[in-house]
Amino acid sequence: MTPEDVIARIDRQELLDLALALGNIDSPTGSEGPAGQYVYDWLAANGFEHELEAILGEAHHGEGD
């Protein structure tokens, strides 16, 4: 798959909704847990392989392939 193929598959409204949802989650430095959980849930709902890693206490880092 080329970069152009990937770009063509992006739903602009879904991307906008995702960005707005993340921007509206209260997640100051050190308290990123809710934002990390949101990303984790989004990845799961969209068929990505993913994992949730606790970094320090409540902070989370969501990543997917």
C-alpha atoms as a PDB file:
ATOM      1  CA  MET A   1       0.000   0.000   0.000  1.00  0.00           C
ATOM      2  CA  THR A   2       1.353   3.383  -0.987  1.00  0.00           C
ATOM      3  CA  PRO A   3       1.090   6.563   1.104  1.00  0.00           C
ATOM      4  CA  GLU A   4      -1.481   7.800  -1.408  1.00  0.00           C
ATOM      5  CA  ASP A   5      -3.585   4.652  -0.819  1.00  0.00           C
ATOM      6  CA  VAL A   6      -3.503   5.271   2.919  1.00  0.00           C
ATOM      7  CA  ILE A   7      -4.487   8.925   2.516  1.00  0.00           C
ATOM      8  CA  ALA A   8      -7.356   7.958   0.206  1.00  0.00           C
ATOM      9  CA  ARG A   9      -8.769   5.659   2.917  1.00  0.00           C
ATOM     10  CA  ILE A  10      -8.901   8.382   5.588  1.00  0.00           C
ATOM     11  CA  ASP A  11     -12.406   9.536   6.440  1.00  0.00           C
ATOM     12  CA  ARG A  12     -11.961  13.281   6.996  1.00  0.00           C
ATOM     13  CA  GLN A  13     -15.011  13.600   9.262  1.00  0.00           C
ATOM     14  CA  GLU A  14     -13.888  10.658  11.397  1.00  0.00           C
ATOM     15  CA  LEU A  15     -10.413  12.201  11.680  1.00  0.00           C
ATOM     16  CA  LEU A  16     -11.923  15.535  12.712  1.00  0.00           C
ATOM     17  CA  ASP A  17     -14.205  13.848  15.263  1.00  0.00           C
ATOM     18  CA  LEU A  18     -11.247  11.916  16.702  1.00  0.00           C
ATOM     19  CA  ALA A  19      -9.098  15.049  16.987  1.00  0.00           C
ATOM     20  CA  LEU A  20     -11.909  17.006  18.651  1.00  0.00           C
ATOM     21  CA  ALA A  21     -12.684  14.177  21.072  1.00  0.00           C
ATOM     22  CA  LEU A  22      -9.029  13.886  22.093  1.00  0.00           C
ATOM     23  CA  GLY A  23      -8.715  17.644  22.434  1.00  0.00           C
ATOM     24  CA  ASN A  24     -11.709  17.720  24.771  1.00  0.00           C
ATOM     25  CA  ILE A  25     -10.322  15.110  27.165  1.00  0.00           C
ATOM     26  CA  ASP A  26      -8.828  16.690  30.275  1.00  0.00           C
ATOM     27  CA  SER A  27      -5.339  15.183  30.256  1.00  0.00           C
ATOM     28  CA  PRO A  28      -2.696  17.510  31.673  1.00  0.00           C
ATOM     29  CA  THR A  29       0.884  16.297  31.907  1.00  0.00           C
ATOM     30  CA  GLY A  30       1.035  13.333  34.234  1.00  0.00           C
ATOM     31  CA  SER A  31      -2.689  12.620  33.923  1.00  0.00           C
ATOM     32  CA  GLU A  32      -2.934  11.297  30.390  1.00  0.00           C
ATOM     33  CA  GLY A  33      -4.783   8.119  31.403  1.00  0.00           C
ATOM     34  CA  PRO A  34      -8.208   9.112  30.022  1.00  0.00           C
ATOM     35  CA  ALA A  35      -6.736  10.175  26.664  1.00  0.00           C
ATOM     36  CA  GLY A  36      -4.670   6.989  26.474  1.00  0.00           C
ATOM     37  CA  GLN A  37      -7.758   4.911  27.231  1.00  0.00           C
ATOM     38  CA  TYR A  38      -9.715   6.753  24.545  1.00  0.00           C
ATOM     39  CA  VAL A  39      -7.018   6.008  21.949  1.00  0.00           C
ATOM     40  CA  TYR A  40      -6.874   2.380  23.122  1.00  0.00           C
ATOM     41  CA  ASP A  41     -10.642   2.014  22.761  1.00  0.00           C
ATOM     42  CA  TRP A  42     -10.593   3.717  19.342  1.00  0.00           C
ATOM     43  CA  LEU A  43      -7.852   1.377  18.111  1.00  0.00           C
ATOM     44  CA  ALA A  44      -9.834  -1.645  19.342  1.00  0.00           C
ATOM     45  CA  ALA A  45     -13.045  -0.424  17.704  1.00  0.00           C
ATOM     46  CA  ASN A  46     -11.233   0.103  14.403  1.00  0.00           C
ATOM     47  CA  GLY A  47      -9.527  -3.277  14.153  1.00  0.00           C
ATOM     48  CA  PHE A  48      -5.959  -2.321  15.047  1.00  0.00           C
ATOM     49  CA  GLU A  49      -3.656  -4.602  16.992  1.00  0.00           C
ATOM     50  CA  HIS A  50      -2.932  -2.565  20.101  1.00  0.00           C
ATOM     51  CA  GLU A  51      -1.767  -2.595  23.683  1.00  0.00           C
ATOM     52  CA  LEU A  52      -1.990  -0.298  26.667  1.00  0.00           C
ATOM     53  CA  GLU A  53       1.166   0.359  28.623  1.00  0.00           C
ATOM     54  CA  ALA A  54       1.237   2.069  32.016  1.00  0.00           C
ATOM     55  CA  ILE A  55       4.142   4.500  31.944  1.00  0.00           C
ATOM     56  CA  LEU A  56       4.061   6.117  35.389  1.00  0.00           C
ATOM     57  CA  GLY A  57       1.119   5.468  37.651  1.00  0.00           C
ATOM     58  CA  GLU A  58      -2.007   6.598  35.828  1.00  0.00           C
ATOM     59  CA  ALA A  59      -0.329   7.771  32.621  1.00  0.00           C
ATOM     60  CA  HIS A  60      -0.937   5.534  29.596  1.00  0.00           C
ATOM     61  CA  HIS A  61       0.588   5.235  26.198  1.00  0.00           C
ATOM     62  CA  GLY A  62      -1.655   3.697  23.552  1.00  0.00           C
ATOM     63  CA  GLU A  63      -0.036   2.343  20.448  1.00  0.00           C
ATOM     64  CA  GLY A  64      -1.162   0.267  17.533  1.00  0.00           C
ATOM     65  CA  ASP A  65      -0.062  -1.226  14.260  1.00  0.00           C
END
